[in-house]
Amino acid sequence: MTAQYGLFRNPPHKGEKESDILHARIIPGRTIRIDRVTREISECTSFSPGDVKGLLQAFADVLVSYLEDGDEVELEGLGHFSVSLKCPKITNPRQVRAEDITFKSVNFRCSKEITERLRCMNVERKPGSSKPVKYNGEERKARIIQYLEKHETIMSSDCMGINECTRYLALKDIKELIAGKKIVKQGYRKIAVYTLPKIL
């Protein structure tokens, strides 16, 4: 398959007019789930889909164990994993206790091998994707809900794609939907996904 892109104007800086400079942005395609990944790996190896899924779960468990100990994990050919922390805004180290320091997110730095392989990826412009469509806040949020009615999860990049808006607006819409209990968040930061609330 070929990845599709659109051309969009750079968002203006505060107090400035709309920029004339365009940037390319991937138009989000499918969200590939673990069942499909395990099936495809199974088809090109001697492992069954269940074996592959078990191995992936074991990998996740071992990865979390190392990260919890403050270790960094480097997988040759894949990338480098590490953890970042957050703490209250302070000016003196004595103002903070160990209990105030909490997990922030998992950082992932892609390997050079994958980066080099992706340099040759094929892209094509999606017809009509660069038209200056502008949805208001309520329309954007409604489109997010409509997307979730057909798909299990959505990411901020998906919101940017379906609403053709900036990351700032996508995150603003997500925050308002969470506050209104229309969607719920799962995960953290860049790996966060959002779902419709479960009906009990």
C-alpha atoms as a PDB file:
ATOM      1  CA  MET A   1       0.000   0.000   0.000  1.00  0.00           C
ATOM      2  CA  THR A   2       0.951   3.655  -0.352  1.00  0.00           C
ATOM      3  CA  ALA A   3       0.688   6.187   2.457  1.00  0.00           C
ATOM      4  CA  GLN A   4      -1.459   9.218   1.691  1.00  0.00           C
ATOM      5  CA  TYR A   5      -0.691  12.797   2.647  1.00  0.00           C
ATOM      6  CA  GLY A   6      -2.288  16.217   2.572  1.00  0.00           C
ATOM      7  CA  LEU A   7      -0.793  19.713   2.424  1.00  0.00           C
ATOM      8  CA  PHE A   8      -1.811  22.109   5.170  1.00  0.00           C
ATOM      9  CA  ARG A   9      -0.915  25.674   6.059  1.00  0.00           C
ATOM     10  CA  ASN A  10       1.294  26.116   9.090  1.00  0.00           C
ATOM     11  CA  PRO A  11      -0.707  27.448  12.067  1.00  0.00           C
ATOM     12  CA  PRO A  12      -0.028  31.162  12.667  1.00  0.00           C
ATOM     13  CA  HIS A  13       1.987  32.265  15.663  1.00  0.00           C
ATOM     14  CA  LYS A  14       0.110  34.280  18.263  1.00  0.00           C
ATOM     15  CA  GLY A  15      -0.727  37.725  16.926  1.00  0.00           C
ATOM     16  CA  GLU A  16       0.340  36.882  13.366  1.00  0.00           C
ATOM     17  CA  LYS A  17      -1.656  36.390  10.184  1.00  0.00           C
ATOM     18  CA  GLU A  18      -2.210  32.954   8.692  1.00  0.00           C
ATOM     19  CA  SER A  19       1.008  31.550   7.249  1.00  0.00           C
ATOM     20  CA  ASP A  20       1.436  30.939   3.506  1.00  0.00           C
ATOM     21  CA  ILE A  21       3.868  28.087   4.171  1.00  0.00           C
ATOM     22  CA  LEU A  22       2.520  24.580   3.667  1.00  0.00           C
ATOM     23  CA  HIS A  23       3.584  21.360   5.357  1.00  0.00           C
ATOM     24  CA  ALA A  24       2.865  17.742   4.475  1.00  0.00           C
ATOM     25  CA  ARG A  25       0.963  15.595   6.942  1.00  0.00           C
ATOM     26  CA  ILE A  26       0.128  11.888   6.793  1.00  0.00           C
ATOM     27  CA  ILE A  27      -3.588  11.201   6.410  1.00  0.00           C
ATOM     28  CA  PRO A  28      -4.227   8.496   9.043  1.00  0.00           C
ATOM     29  CA  GLY A  29      -5.042   5.139   7.518  1.00  0.00           C
ATOM     30  CA  ARG A  30      -6.073   1.973   9.309  1.00  0.00           C
ATOM     31  CA  THR A  31      -5.360   1.179  12.955  1.00  0.00           C
ATOM     32  CA  ILE A  32      -3.717  -2.243  12.885  1.00  0.00           C
ATOM     33  CA  ARG A  33      -4.677  -4.393  15.898  1.00  0.00           C
ATOM     34  CA  ILE A  34      -2.660  -7.105  17.625  1.00  0.00           C
ATOM     35  CA  ASP A  35      -4.779  -9.920  16.152  1.00  0.00           C
ATOM     36  CA  ARG A  36      -3.780  -8.930  12.632  1.00  0.00           C
ATOM     37  CA  VAL A  37      -0.127  -8.466  13.601  1.00  0.00           C
ATOM     38  CA  THR A  38       0.044 -11.893  15.251  1.00  0.00           C
ATOM     39  CA  ARG A  39      -1.676 -13.510  12.259  1.00  0.00           C
ATOM     40  CA  GLU A  40       0.746 -11.993   9.753  1.00  0.00           C
ATOM     41  CA  ILE A  41       3.793 -12.943  11.847  1.00  0.00           C
ATOM     42  CA  SER A  42       2.388 -16.462  12.144  1.00  0.00           C
ATOM     43  CA  GLU A  43       1.995 -16.741   8.370  1.00  0.00           C
ATOM     44  CA  CYS A  44       5.700 -16.071   7.753  1.00  0.00           C
ATOM     45  CA  THR A  45       7.107 -18.073  10.700  1.00  0.00           C
ATOM     46  CA  SER A  46       6.604 -21.446  12.365  1.00  0.00           C
ATOM     47  CA  PHE A  47       4.812 -19.860  15.350  1.00  0.00           C
ATOM     48  CA  SER A  48       1.042 -20.024  15.806  1.00  0.00           C
ATOM     49  CA  PRO A  49      -0.931 -16.769  16.333  1.00  0.00           C
ATOM     50  CA  GLY A  50      -1.354 -17.791  19.992  1.00  0.00           C
ATOM     51  CA  ASP A  51       2.403 -18.292  20.375  1.00  0.00           C
ATOM     52  CA  VAL A  52       3.108 -14.879  18.851  1.00  0.00           C
ATOM     53  CA  LYS A  53       0.533 -13.166  21.064  1.00  0.00           C
ATOM     54  CA  GLY A  54       2.008 -14.870  24.131  1.00  0.00           C
ATOM     55  CA  LEU A  55       5.512 -13.771  23.159  1.00  0.00           C
ATOM     56  CA  LEU A  56       4.371 -10.176  22.654  1.00  0.00           C
ATOM     57  CA  GLN A  57       2.696 -10.183  26.077  1.00  0.00           C
ATOM     58  CA  ALA A  58       5.840 -11.655  27.654  1.00  0.00           C
ATOM     59  CA  PHE A  59       7.906  -8.968  25.913  1.00  0.00           C
ATOM     60  CA  ALA A  60       5.626  -6.228  27.285  1.00  0.00           C
ATOM     61  CA  ASP A  61       5.862  -7.690  30.804  1.00  0.00           C
ATOM     62  CA  VAL A  62       9.676  -7.891  30.713  1.00  0.00           C
ATOM     63  CA  LEU A  63       9.912  -4.376  29.228  1.00  0.00           C
ATOM     64  CA  VAL A  64       7.737  -2.926  32.011  1.00  0.00           C
ATOM     65  CA  SER A  65       9.788  -4.762  34.642  1.00  0.00           C
ATOM     66  CA  TYR A  66      13.048  -3.197  33.436  1.00  0.00           C
ATOM     67  CA  LEU A  67      11.531   0.276  33.029  1.00  0.00           C
ATOM     68  CA  GLU A  68      10.079   0.118  36.559  1.00  0.00           C
ATOM     69  CA  ASP A  69      13.637  -0.406  37.833  1.00  0.00           C
ATOM     70  CA  GLY A  70      14.812   2.719  36.014  1.00  0.00           C
ATOM     71  CA  ASP A  71      16.639   0.780  33.309  1.00  0.00           C
ATOM     72  CA  GLU A  72      16.679   1.736  29.652  1.00  0.00           C
ATOM     73  CA  VAL A  73      15.894  -0.987  27.128  1.00  0.00           C
ATOM     74  CA  GLU A  74      17.544  -1.037  23.714  1.00  0.00           C
ATOM     75  CA  LEU A  75      16.325  -3.545  21.133  1.00  0.00           C
ATOM     76  CA  GLU A  76      18.681  -3.677  18.176  1.00  0.00           C
ATOM     77  CA  GLY A  77      16.751  -3.117  14.976  1.00  0.00           C
ATOM     78  CA  LEU A  78      13.694  -1.753  16.794  1.00  0.00           C
ATOM     79  CA  GLY A  79      14.544   1.110  19.114  1.00  0.00           C
ATOM     80  CA  HIS A  80      15.286   2.433  22.567  1.00  0.00           C
ATOM     81  CA  PHE A  81      12.796   2.645  25.462  1.00  0.00           C
ATOM     82  CA  SER A  82      13.099   4.806  28.588  1.00  0.00           C
ATOM     83  CA  VAL A  83      10.851   6.398  31.217  1.00  0.00           C
ATOM     84  CA  SER A  84      10.350  10.084  32.034  1.00  0.00           C
ATOM     85  CA  LEU A  85       9.079  11.496  35.334  1.00  0.00           C
ATOM     86  CA  LYS A  86       7.109  14.513  36.494  1.00  0.00           C
ATOM     87  CA  CYS A  87       7.092  16.465  39.729  1.00  0.00           C
ATOM     88  CA  PRO A  88       5.504  19.659  41.127  1.00  0.00           C
ATOM     89  CA  LYS A  89       7.026  22.991  40.153  1.00  0.00           C
ATOM     90  CA  ILE A  90       9.633  23.733  42.825  1.00  0.00           C
ATOM     91  CA  THR A  91      12.689  25.930  43.333  1.00  0.00           C
ATOM     92  CA  ASN A  92      14.283  24.002  46.200  1.00  0.00           C
ATOM     93  CA  PRO A  93      14.979  20.229  46.274  1.00  0.00           C
ATOM     94  CA  ARG A  94      13.785  20.171  49.895  1.00  0.00           C
ATOM     95  CA  GLN A  95      10.287  21.111  48.742  1.00  0.00           C
ATOM     96  CA  VAL A  96       9.678  17.751  47.106  1.00  0.00           C
ATOM     97  CA  ARG A  97       9.382  14.226  48.502  1.00  0.00           C
ATOM     98  CA  ALA A  98       9.779  10.901  46.749  1.00  0.00           C
ATOM     99  CA  GLU A  99       5.985  10.456  46.811  1.00  0.00           C
ATOM    100  CA  ASP A 100       5.640  13.646  44.745  1.00  0.00           C
ATOM    101  CA  ILE A 101       7.670  12.198  41.866  1.00  0.00           C
ATOM    102  CA  THR A 102       5.469  10.185  39.514  1.00  0.00           C
ATOM    103  CA  PHE A 103       5.605   8.437  36.166  1.00  0.00           C
ATOM    104  CA  LYS A 104       5.090  10.721  33.156  1.00  0.00           C
ATOM    105  CA  SER A 105       5.496   8.700  29.973  1.00  0.00           C
ATOM    106  CA  VAL A 106       7.479   6.104  28.066  1.00  0.00           C
ATOM    107  CA  ASN A 107       9.942   7.563  25.588  1.00  0.00           C
ATOM    108  CA  PHE A 108      10.662   5.637  22.397  1.00  0.00           C
ATOM    109  CA  ARG A 109      13.504   6.440  20.020  1.00  0.00           C
ATOM    110  CA  CYS A 110      13.298   4.553  16.762  1.00  0.00           C
ATOM    111  CA  SER A 111      16.358   2.610  15.574  1.00  0.00           C
ATOM    112  CA  LYS A 112      18.470   3.804  12.654  1.00  0.00           C
ATOM    113  CA  GLU A 113      17.611   0.598  10.792  1.00  0.00           C
ATOM    114  CA  ILE A 114      13.877   1.313  10.806  1.00  0.00           C
ATOM    115  CA  THR A 115      14.458   4.985   9.992  1.00  0.00           C
ATOM    116  CA  GLU A 116      16.537   4.050   6.952  1.00  0.00           C
ATOM    117  CA  ARG A 117      13.936   1.527   5.754  1.00  0.00           C
ATOM    118  CA  LEU A 118      11.164   4.137   6.026  1.00  0.00           C
ATOM    119  CA  ARG A 119      13.099   6.697   3.976  1.00  0.00           C
ATOM    120  CA  CYS A 120      12.031   4.733   0.895  1.00  0.00           C
ATOM    121  CA  MET A 121       8.306   4.699   1.765  1.00  0.00           C
ATOM    122  CA  ASN A 122       5.939   5.602  -1.066  1.00  0.00           C
ATOM    123  CA  VAL A 123       3.505   8.467  -0.581  1.00  0.00           C
ATOM    124  CA  GLU A 124       0.726   9.956  -2.683  1.00  0.00           C
ATOM    125  CA  ARG A 125      -1.460  12.988  -2.234  1.00  0.00           C
ATOM    126  CA  LYS A 126      -5.008  12.196  -1.135  1.00  0.00           C
ATOM    127  CA  PRO A 127      -7.506  13.891  -3.492  1.00  0.00           C
ATOM    128  CA  GLY A 128      -9.279  16.784  -1.820  1.00  0.00           C
ATOM    129  CA  SER A 129      -7.265  16.479   1.390  1.00  0.00           C
ATOM    130  CA  SER A 130      -5.687  19.917   1.056  1.00  0.00           C
ATOM    131  CA  LYS A 131      -8.900  21.887   0.654  1.00  0.00           C
ATOM    132  CA  PRO A 132      -9.284  24.423   3.488  1.00  0.00           C
ATOM    133  CA  VAL A 133     -12.187  22.642   5.216  1.00  0.00           C
ATOM    134  CA  LYS A 134     -12.917  24.221   8.583  1.00  0.00           C
ATOM    135  CA  TYR A 135     -15.207  22.612  11.137  1.00  0.00           C
ATOM    136  CA  ASN A 136     -16.284  24.426  14.271  1.00  0.00           C
ATOM    137  CA  GLY A 137     -15.687  22.928  17.705  1.00  0.00           C
ATOM    138  CA  GLU A 138     -19.028  21.141  17.968  1.00  0.00           C
ATOM    139  CA  GLU A 139     -18.702  19.697  14.463  1.00  0.00           C
ATOM    140  CA  ARG A 140     -15.194  18.425  15.195  1.00  0.00           C
ATOM    141  CA  LYS A 141     -16.285  16.748  18.424  1.00  0.00           C
ATOM    142  CA  ALA A 142     -19.303  15.184  16.708  1.00  0.00           C
ATOM    143  CA  ARG A 143     -17.019  13.751  14.025  1.00  0.00           C
ATOM    144  CA  ILE A 144     -14.782  12.244  16.711  1.00  0.00           C
ATOM    145  CA  ILE A 145     -17.794  10.519  18.301  1.00  0.00           C
ATOM    146  CA  GLN A 146     -18.961   9.292  14.871  1.00  0.00           C
ATOM    147  CA  TYR A 147     -15.508   7.833  14.253  1.00  0.00           C
ATOM    148  CA  LEU A 148     -15.583   6.001  17.598  1.00  0.00           C
ATOM    149  CA  GLU A 149     -18.985   4.530  16.786  1.00  0.00           C
ATOM    150  CA  LYS A 150     -17.301   2.686  13.899  1.00  0.00           C
ATOM    151  CA  HIS A 151     -13.850   2.127  15.415  1.00  0.00           C
ATOM    152  CA  GLU A 152     -12.832   0.882  18.848  1.00  0.00           C
ATOM    153  CA  THR A 153     -10.287   3.610  19.613  1.00  0.00           C
ATOM    154  CA  ILE A 154      -9.008   6.931  18.327  1.00  0.00           C
ATOM    155  CA  MET A 155      -5.712   8.796  18.764  1.00  0.00           C
ATOM    156  CA  SER A 156      -5.019  12.526  18.614  1.00  0.00           C
ATOM    157  CA  SER A 157      -3.421  12.044  15.172  1.00  0.00           C
ATOM    158  CA  ASP A 158      -6.665  10.441  13.963  1.00  0.00           C
ATOM    159  CA  CYS A 159      -8.594  13.489  15.211  1.00  0.00           C
ATOM    160  CA  MET A 160      -6.223  15.752  13.286  1.00  0.00           C
ATOM    161  CA  GLY A 161      -6.818  13.717  10.140  1.00  0.00           C
ATOM    162  CA  ILE A 162     -10.610  13.423  10.192  1.00  0.00           C
ATOM    163  CA  ASN A 163     -11.090  17.070  11.187  1.00  0.00           C
ATOM    164  CA  GLU A 164      -8.141  18.479   9.209  1.00  0.00           C
ATOM    165  CA  CYS A 165      -7.036  20.553  12.171  1.00  0.00           C
ATOM    166  CA  THR A 166      -3.908  21.262  14.195  1.00  0.00           C
ATOM    167  CA  ARG A 167      -2.735  19.117  17.109  1.00  0.00           C
ATOM    168  CA  TYR A 168      -3.656  22.005  19.432  1.00  0.00           C
ATOM    169  CA  LEU A 169      -7.314  21.906  18.338  1.00  0.00           C
ATOM    170  CA  ALA A 170      -7.403  18.091  18.349  1.00  0.00           C
ATOM    171  CA  LEU A 171      -6.155  17.953  21.948  1.00  0.00           C
ATOM    172  CA  LYS A 172      -8.555  20.757  22.925  1.00  0.00           C
ATOM    173  CA  ASP A 173     -11.510  18.787  21.512  1.00  0.00           C
ATOM    174  CA  ILE A 174     -10.346  15.608  23.259  1.00  0.00           C
ATOM    175  CA  LYS A 175     -10.000  17.422  26.580  1.00  0.00           C
ATOM    176  CA  GLU A 176     -13.535  18.833  26.289  1.00  0.00           C
ATOM    177  CA  LEU A 177     -14.982  15.426  25.366  1.00  0.00           C
ATOM    178  CA  ILE A 178     -13.274  13.845  28.381  1.00  0.00           C
ATOM    179  CA  ALA A 179     -14.581  16.619  30.654  1.00  0.00           C
ATOM    180  CA  GLY A 180     -18.067  15.993  29.276  1.00  0.00           C
ATOM    181  CA  LYS A 181     -17.650  12.245  29.907  1.00  0.00           C
ATOM    182  CA  LYS A 182     -18.230  11.553  26.215  1.00  0.00           C
ATOM    183  CA  ILE A 183     -14.928   9.656  25.858  1.00  0.00           C
ATOM    184  CA  VAL A 184     -12.353   8.145  28.205  1.00  0.00           C
ATOM    185  CA  LYS A 185      -8.568   8.121  28.011  1.00  0.00           C
ATOM    186  CA  GLN A 186      -6.373   5.048  28.051  1.00  0.00           C
ATOM    187  CA  GLY A 187      -2.566   5.154  28.097  1.00  0.00           C
ATOM    188  CA  TYR A 188      -0.270   8.140  28.365  1.00  0.00           C
ATOM    189  CA  ARG A 189       0.845  11.058  26.221  1.00  0.00           C
ATOM    190  CA  LYS A 190       1.922   9.988  22.715  1.00  0.00           C
ATOM    191  CA  ILE A 191       0.664   6.445  23.215  1.00  0.00           C
ATOM    192  CA  ALA A 192      -2.705   7.556  24.585  1.00  0.00           C
ATOM    193  CA  VAL A 193      -5.865   6.286  22.909  1.00  0.00           C
ATOM    194  CA  TYR A 194      -9.462   7.289  23.550  1.00  0.00           C
ATOM    195  CA  THR A 195     -12.634   5.207  23.606  1.00  0.00           C
ATOM    196  CA  LEU A 196     -16.334   5.646  24.191  1.00  0.00           C
ATOM    197  CA  PRO A 197     -17.346   5.034  27.839  1.00  0.00           C
ATOM    198  CA  LYS A 198     -18.368   1.469  28.589  1.00  0.00           C
ATOM    199  CA  ILE A 199     -22.086   1.070  29.228  1.00  0.00           C
ATOM    200  CA  LEU A 200     -22.665  -0.931  32.412  1.00  0.00           C
END
